[in-house]
Amino acid sequence: MTVERALAELPCRTPGVHSTALAVDPRSWELLDFTLWTEATRAPGTHYEVLHLSTPELRSLETGRHW
């Protein structure tokens, strides 16, 4: 999968998404995506419950791509 395709498939604008990120696993050169949801979801993939997320200055972050 290319980076462009992976970026296009990220659920960034899906209702209920808090934030999402794309990363590269250098051991296997695989693209990984991580999405934080505001509520539990039935989206495909492995799910974890985040019990606390420290968010200082969250309101000062701009939306959209940061590169």
PDB file of N, CA and C in Angstrom:
ATOM      1  N   MET A   1       0.839  -1.168   0.000  1.00  0.00           N
ATOM      2  CA  MET A   1       0.000   0.000   0.000  1.00  0.00           C
ATOM      3  C   MET A   1       0.890   1.239   0.000  1.00  0.00           C
ATOM      4  N   THR A   2       0.523   2.232  -0.780  1.00  0.00           N
ATOM      5  CA  THR A   2       1.276   3.477  -0.819  1.00  0.00           C
ATOM      6  C   THR A   2       0.826   4.406   0.303  1.00  0.00           C
ATOM      7  N   VAL A   3       1.658   5.372   0.620  1.00  0.00           N
ATOM      8  CA  VAL A   3       1.317   6.350   1.646  1.00  0.00           C
ATOM      9  C   VAL A   3       0.079   7.142   1.224  1.00  0.00           C
ATOM     10  N   GLU A   4       0.009   7.519  -0.037  1.00  0.00           N
ATOM     11  CA  GLU A   4      -1.133   8.290  -0.525  1.00  0.00           C
ATOM     12  C   GLU A   4      -2.435   7.521  -0.342  1.00  0.00           C
ATOM     13  N   ARG A   5      -2.419   6.240  -0.664  1.00  0.00           N
ATOM     14  CA  ARG A   5      -3.629   5.417  -0.510  1.00  0.00           C
ATOM     15  C   ARG A   5      -3.986   5.261   0.971  1.00  0.00           C
ATOM     16  N   ALA A   6      -2.973   5.030   1.812  1.00  0.00           N
ATOM     17  CA  ALA A   6      -3.224   4.886   3.247  1.00  0.00           C
ATOM     18  C   ALA A   6      -3.813   6.165   3.822  1.00  0.00           C
ATOM     19  N   LEU A   7      -3.295   7.320   3.417  1.00  0.00           N
ATOM     20  CA  LEU A   7      -3.832   8.594   3.890  1.00  0.00           C
ATOM     21  C   LEU A   7      -5.275   8.777   3.448  1.00  0.00           C
ATOM     22  N   ALA A   8      -5.581   8.379   2.224  1.00  0.00           N
ATOM     23  CA  ALA A   8      -6.946   8.517   1.716  1.00  0.00           C
ATOM     24  C   ALA A   8      -7.922   7.622   2.471  1.00  0.00           C
ATOM     25  N   GLU A   9      -7.445   6.499   3.002  1.00  0.00           N
ATOM     26  CA  GLU A   9      -8.318   5.559   3.689  1.00  0.00           C
ATOM     27  C   GLU A   9      -8.455   5.826   5.188  1.00  0.00           C
ATOM     28  N   LEU A  10      -7.677   6.753   5.725  1.00  0.00           N
ATOM     29  CA  LEU A  10      -7.795   7.060   7.152  1.00  0.00           C
ATOM     30  C   LEU A  10      -9.168   7.668   7.434  1.00  0.00           C
ATOM     31  N   PRO A  11      -9.762   7.311   8.577  1.00  0.00           N
ATOM     32  CA  PRO A  11     -11.114   7.804   8.879  1.00  0.00           C
ATOM     33  C   PRO A  11     -11.127   9.197   9.506  1.00  0.00           C
ATOM     34  N   CYS A  12     -10.264  10.085   9.043  1.00  0.00           N
ATOM     35  CA  CYS A  12     -10.096  11.408   9.660  1.00  0.00           C
ATOM     36  C   CYS A  12     -11.390  12.196   9.779  1.00  0.00           C
ATOM     37  N   ARG A  13     -12.213  12.147   8.775  1.00  0.00           N
ATOM     38  CA  ARG A  13     -13.432  12.962   8.758  1.00  0.00           C
ATOM     39  C   ARG A  13     -14.677  12.175   9.146  1.00  0.00           C
ATOM     40  N   THR A  14     -14.499  10.984   9.679  1.00  0.00           N
ATOM     41  CA  THR A  14     -15.619  10.163  10.113  1.00  0.00           C
ATOM     42  C   THR A  14     -16.142  10.697  11.443  1.00  0.00           C
ATOM     43  N   PRO A  15     -17.463  10.841  11.582  1.00  0.00           N
ATOM     44  CA  PRO A  15     -18.005  11.290  12.868  1.00  0.00           C
ATOM     45  C   PRO A  15     -17.567  10.359  13.999  1.00  0.00           C
ATOM     46  N   GLY A  16     -17.175  10.927  15.120  1.00  0.00           N
ATOM     47  CA  GLY A  16     -16.744  10.141  16.267  1.00  0.00           C
ATOM     48  C   GLY A  16     -15.243   9.943  16.365  1.00  0.00           C
ATOM     49  N   VAL A  17     -14.487  10.383  15.362  1.00  0.00           N
ATOM     50  CA  VAL A  17     -13.027  10.247  15.403  1.00  0.00           C
ATOM     51  C   VAL A  17     -12.444  11.443  16.145  1.00  0.00           C
ATOM     52  N   HIS A  18     -11.632  11.163  17.143  1.00  0.00           N
ATOM     53  CA  HIS A  18     -10.939  12.224  17.885  1.00  0.00           C
ATOM     54  C   HIS A  18      -9.677  12.628  17.144  1.00  0.00           C
ATOM     55  N   SER A  19      -8.841  11.646  16.812  1.00  0.00           N
ATOM     56  CA  SER A  19      -7.611  11.911  16.068  1.00  0.00           C
ATOM     57  C   SER A  19      -7.138  10.611  15.433  1.00  0.00           C
ATOM     58  N   THR A  20      -6.299  10.751  14.434  1.00  0.00           N
ATOM     59  CA  THR A  20      -5.763   9.579  13.736  1.00  0.00           C
ATOM     60  C   THR A  20      -4.343   9.885  13.270  1.00  0.00           C
ATOM     61  N   ALA A  21      -3.535   8.840  13.168  1.00  0.00           N
ATOM     62  CA  ALA A  21      -2.136   9.012  12.768  1.00  0.00           C
ATOM     63  C   ALA A  21      -1.704   7.841  11.890  1.00  0.00           C
ATOM     64  N   LEU A  22      -0.777   8.098  11.021  1.00  0.00           N
ATOM     65  CA  LEU A  22      -0.192   7.089  10.142  1.00  0.00           C
ATOM     66  C   LEU A  22       1.270   6.947  10.537  1.00  0.00           C
ATOM     67  N   ALA A  23       1.742   5.705  10.668  1.00  0.00           N
ATOM     68  CA  ALA A  23       3.125   5.452  11.084  1.00  0.00           C
ATOM     69  C   ALA A  23       3.726   4.335  10.237  1.00  0.00           C
ATOM     70  N   VAL A  24       5.051   4.219  10.272  1.00  0.00           N
ATOM     71  CA  VAL A  24       5.769   3.158   9.571  1.00  0.00           C
ATOM     72  C   VAL A  24       6.448   2.275  10.610  1.00  0.00           C
ATOM     73  N   ASP A  25       6.250   0.963  10.510  1.00  0.00           N
ATOM     74  CA  ASP A  25       6.954   0.004  11.355  1.00  0.00           C
ATOM     75  C   ASP A  25       8.264  -0.321  10.639  1.00  0.00           C
ATOM     76  N   PRO A  26       9.410   0.174  11.126  1.00  0.00           N
ATOM     77  CA  PRO A  26      10.673  -0.023  10.412  1.00  0.00           C
ATOM     78  C   PRO A  26      11.167  -1.468  10.417  1.00  0.00           C
ATOM     79  N   ARG A  27      10.645  -2.307  11.300  1.00  0.00           N
ATOM     80  CA  ARG A  27      11.063  -3.716  11.311  1.00  0.00           C
ATOM     81  C   ARG A  27      10.548  -4.453  10.081  1.00  0.00           C
ATOM     82  N   SER A  28       9.320  -4.113   9.658  1.00  0.00           N
ATOM     83  CA  SER A  28       8.720  -4.825   8.528  1.00  0.00           C
ATOM     84  C   SER A  28       8.349  -3.889   7.379  1.00  0.00           C
ATOM     85  N   TRP A  29       8.592  -2.588   7.535  1.00  0.00           N
ATOM     86  CA  TRP A  29       8.243  -1.581   6.551  1.00  0.00           C
ATOM     87  C   TRP A  29       6.753  -1.596   6.221  1.00  0.00           C
ATOM     88  N   GLU A  30       5.941  -1.832   7.238  1.00  0.00           N
ATOM     89  CA  GLU A  30       4.489  -1.793   7.074  1.00  0.00           C
ATOM     90  C   GLU A  30       3.958  -0.437   7.514  1.00  0.00           C
ATOM     91  N   LEU A  31       2.897   0.010   6.842  1.00  0.00           N
ATOM     92  CA  LEU A  31       2.203   1.212   7.276  1.00  0.00           C
ATOM     93  C   LEU A  31       1.174   0.830   8.327  1.00  0.00           C
ATOM     94  N   LEU A  32       1.138   1.583   9.408  1.00  0.00           N
ATOM     95  CA  LEU A  32       0.190   1.341  10.495  1.00  0.00           C
ATOM     96  C   LEU A  32      -0.638   2.596  10.690  1.00  0.00           C
ATOM     97  N   ASP A  33      -1.907   2.414  11.033  1.00  0.00           N
ATOM     98  CA  ASP A  33      -2.701   3.587  11.370  1.00  0.00           C
ATOM     99  C   ASP A  33      -3.309   3.402  12.750  1.00  0.00           C
ATOM    100  N   PHE A  34      -3.370   4.508  13.470  1.00  0.00           N
ATOM    101  CA  PHE A  34      -3.915   4.534  14.822  1.00  0.00           C
ATOM    102  C   PHE A  34      -5.021   5.572  14.847  1.00  0.00           C
ATOM    103  N   THR A  35      -6.170   5.199  15.366  1.00  0.00           N
ATOM    104  CA  THR A  35      -7.302   6.118  15.449  1.00  0.00           C
ATOM    105  C   THR A  35      -7.854   6.115  16.857  1.00  0.00           C
ATOM    106  N   LEU A  36      -8.033   7.311  17.424  1.00  0.00           N
ATOM    107  CA  LEU A  36      -8.692   7.458  18.710  1.00  0.00           C
ATOM    108  C   LEU A  36     -10.136   7.884  18.450  1.00  0.00           C
ATOM    109  N   TRP A  37     -11.074   7.104  18.967  1.00  0.00           N
ATOM    110  CA  TRP A  37     -12.497   7.385  18.798  1.00  0.00           C
ATOM    111  C   TRP A  37     -13.044   8.000  20.076  1.00  0.00           C
ATOM    112  N   THR A  38     -14.039   8.866  19.954  1.00  0.00           N
ATOM    113  CA  THR A  38     -14.656   9.472  21.129  1.00  0.00           C
ATOM    114  C   THR A  38     -15.597   8.503  21.835  1.00  0.00           C
ATOM    115  N   GLU A  39     -16.082   7.504  21.143  1.00  0.00           N
ATOM    116  CA  GLU A  39     -16.973   6.474  21.685  1.00  0.00           C
ATOM    117  C   GLU A  39     -16.504   5.107  21.172  1.00  0.00           C
ATOM    118  N   ALA A  40     -17.004   4.040  21.792  1.00  0.00           N
ATOM    119  CA  ALA A  40     -16.699   2.689  21.308  1.00  0.00           C
ATOM    120  C   ALA A  40     -17.203   2.563  19.870  1.00  0.00           C
ATOM    121  N   THR A  41     -16.487   1.812  19.054  1.00  0.00           N
ATOM    122  CA  THR A  41     -16.844   1.672  17.644  1.00  0.00           C
ATOM    123  C   THR A  41     -16.788   0.215  17.214  1.00  0.00           C
ATOM    124  N   ARG A  42     -17.405  -0.073  16.107  1.00  0.00           N
ATOM    125  CA  ARG A  42     -17.344  -1.417  15.518  1.00  0.00           C
ATOM    126  C   ARG A  42     -16.451  -1.422  14.280  1.00  0.00           C
ATOM    127  N   ALA A  43     -15.615  -0.431  14.151  1.00  0.00           N
ATOM    128  CA  ALA A  43     -14.695  -0.358  13.009  1.00  0.00           C
ATOM    129  C   ALA A  43     -13.768  -1.574  13.034  1.00  0.00           C
ATOM    130  N   PRO A  44     -13.332  -2.045  11.855  1.00  0.00           N
ATOM    131  CA  PRO A  44     -12.433  -3.198  11.823  1.00  0.00           C
ATOM    132  C   PRO A  44     -11.086  -2.877  12.453  1.00  0.00           C
ATOM    133  N   GLY A  45     -10.422  -3.894  12.958  1.00  0.00           N
ATOM    134  CA  GLY A  45      -9.099  -3.723  13.541  1.00  0.00           C
ATOM    135  C   GLY A  45      -9.072  -4.130  14.995  1.00  0.00           C
ATOM    136  N   THR A  46      -7.909  -3.994  15.600  1.00  0.00           N
ATOM    137  CA  THR A  46      -7.723  -4.300  17.011  1.00  0.00           C
ATOM    138  C   THR A  46      -8.122  -3.087  17.830  1.00  0.00           C
ATOM    139  N   HIS A  47      -8.904  -3.296  18.871  1.00  0.00           N
ATOM    140  CA  HIS A  47      -9.386  -2.190  19.697  1.00  0.00           C
ATOM    141  C   HIS A  47      -8.809  -2.269  21.102  1.00  0.00           C
ATOM    142  N   TYR A  48      -8.492  -1.117  21.655  1.00  0.00           N
ATOM    143  CA  TYR A  48      -8.021  -0.988  23.035  1.00  0.00           C
ATOM    144  C   TYR A  48      -8.825   0.119  23.691  1.00  0.00           C
ATOM    145  N   GLU A  49      -9.050  -0.010  24.973  1.00  0.00           N
ATOM    146  CA  GLU A  49      -9.736   1.044  25.713  1.00  0.00           C
ATOM    147  C   GLU A  49      -8.679   1.945  26.350  1.00  0.00           C
ATOM    148  N   VAL A  50      -8.724   3.225  26.023  1.00  0.00           N
ATOM    149  CA  VAL A  50      -7.805   4.204  26.600  1.00  0.00           C
ATOM    150  C   VAL A  50      -8.502   4.799  27.808  1.00  0.00           C
ATOM    151  N   LEU A  51      -7.960   4.540  28.996  1.00  0.00           N
ATOM    152  CA  LEU A  51      -8.615   4.987  30.218  1.00  0.00           C
ATOM    153  C   LEU A  51      -8.341   6.446  30.534  1.00  0.00           C
ATOM    154  N   HIS A  52      -7.216   6.971  30.083  1.00  0.00           N
ATOM    155  CA  HIS A  52      -6.903   8.380  30.325  1.00  0.00           C
ATOM    156  C   HIS A  52      -6.050   8.897  29.179  1.00  0.00           C
ATOM    157  N   LEU A  53      -6.363  10.081  28.730  1.00  0.00           N
ATOM    158  CA  LEU A  53      -5.582  10.727  27.677  1.00  0.00           C
ATOM    159  C   LEU A  53      -5.309  12.150  28.124  1.00  0.00           C
ATOM    160  N   SER A  54      -4.071  12.452  28.388  1.00  0.00           N
ATOM    161  CA  SER A  54      -3.690  13.781  28.827  1.00  0.00           C
ATOM    162  C   SER A  54      -3.713  14.708  27.617  1.00  0.00           C
ATOM    163  N   THR A  55      -4.424  15.805  27.719  1.00  0.00           N
ATOM    164  CA  THR A  55      -4.603  16.673  26.551  1.00  0.00           C
ATOM    165  C   THR A  55      -4.349  18.146  26.850  1.00  0.00           C
ATOM    166  N   PRO A  56      -3.193  18.494  27.413  1.00  0.00           N
ATOM    167  CA  PRO A  56      -2.934  19.915  27.627  1.00  0.00           C
ATOM    168  C   PRO A  56      -2.843  20.647  26.288  1.00  0.00           C
ATOM    169  N   GLU A  57      -3.397  21.829  26.248  1.00  0.00           N
ATOM    170  CA  GLU A  57      -3.363  22.668  25.045  1.00  0.00           C
ATOM    171  C   GLU A  57      -4.075  22.045  23.846  1.00  0.00           C
ATOM    172  N   LEU A  58      -4.996  21.124  24.071  1.00  0.00           N
ATOM    173  CA  LEU A  58      -5.700  20.458  22.966  1.00  0.00           C
ATOM    174  C   LEU A  58      -6.417  21.464  22.074  1.00  0.00           C
ATOM    175  N   ARG A  59      -7.027  22.456  22.670  1.00  0.00           N
ATOM    176  CA  ARG A  59      -7.781  23.439  21.880  1.00  0.00           C
ATOM    177  C   ARG A  59      -6.882  24.302  20.993  1.00  0.00           C
ATOM    178  N   SER A  60      -5.600  24.360  21.303  1.00  0.00           N
ATOM    179  CA  SER A  60      -4.700  25.180  20.491  1.00  0.00           C
ATOM    180  C   SER A  60      -4.177  24.430  19.261  1.00  0.00           C
ATOM    181  N   LEU A  61      -4.421  23.120  19.171  1.00  0.00           N
ATOM    182  CA  LEU A  61      -3.979  22.345  18.006  1.00  0.00           C
ATOM    183  C   LEU A  61      -4.861  22.650  16.802  1.00  0.00           C
ATOM    184  N   GLU A  62      -4.237  22.836  15.672  1.00  0.00           N
ATOM    185  CA  GLU A  62      -4.982  23.041  14.446  1.00  0.00           C
ATOM    186  C   GLU A  62      -5.460  21.721  13.889  1.00  0.00           C
ATOM    187  N   THR A  63      -6.556  21.729  13.154  1.00  0.00           N
ATOM    188  CA  THR A  63      -7.048  20.508  12.528  1.00  0.00           C
ATOM    189  C   THR A  63      -6.382  20.344  11.170  1.00  0.00           C
ATOM    190  N   GLY A  64      -6.440  19.140  10.637  1.00  0.00           N
ATOM    191  CA  GLY A  64      -5.857  18.864   9.334  1.00  0.00           C
ATOM    192  C   GLY A  64      -4.449  18.334   9.416  1.00  0.00           C
ATOM    193  N   ARG A  65      -3.824  18.210   8.277  1.00  0.00           N
ATOM    194  CA  ARG A  65      -2.456  17.687   8.210  1.00  0.00           C
ATOM    195  C   ARG A  65      -1.480  18.651   8.878  1.00  0.00           C
ATOM    196  N   HIS A  66      -0.465  18.087   9.517  1.00  0.00           N
ATOM    197  CA  HIS A  66       0.517  18.898  10.221  1.00  0.00           C
ATOM    198  C   HIS A  66       1.900  18.809   9.586  1.00  0.00           C
ATOM    199  N   TRP A  67       1.947  18.667   8.278  1.00  0.00           N
ATOM    200  CA  TRP A  67       3.228  18.683   7.573  1.00  0.00           C
ATOM    201  C   TRP A  67       3.114  19.489   6.319  1.00  0.00           C
TER     202      TRP A  67
END
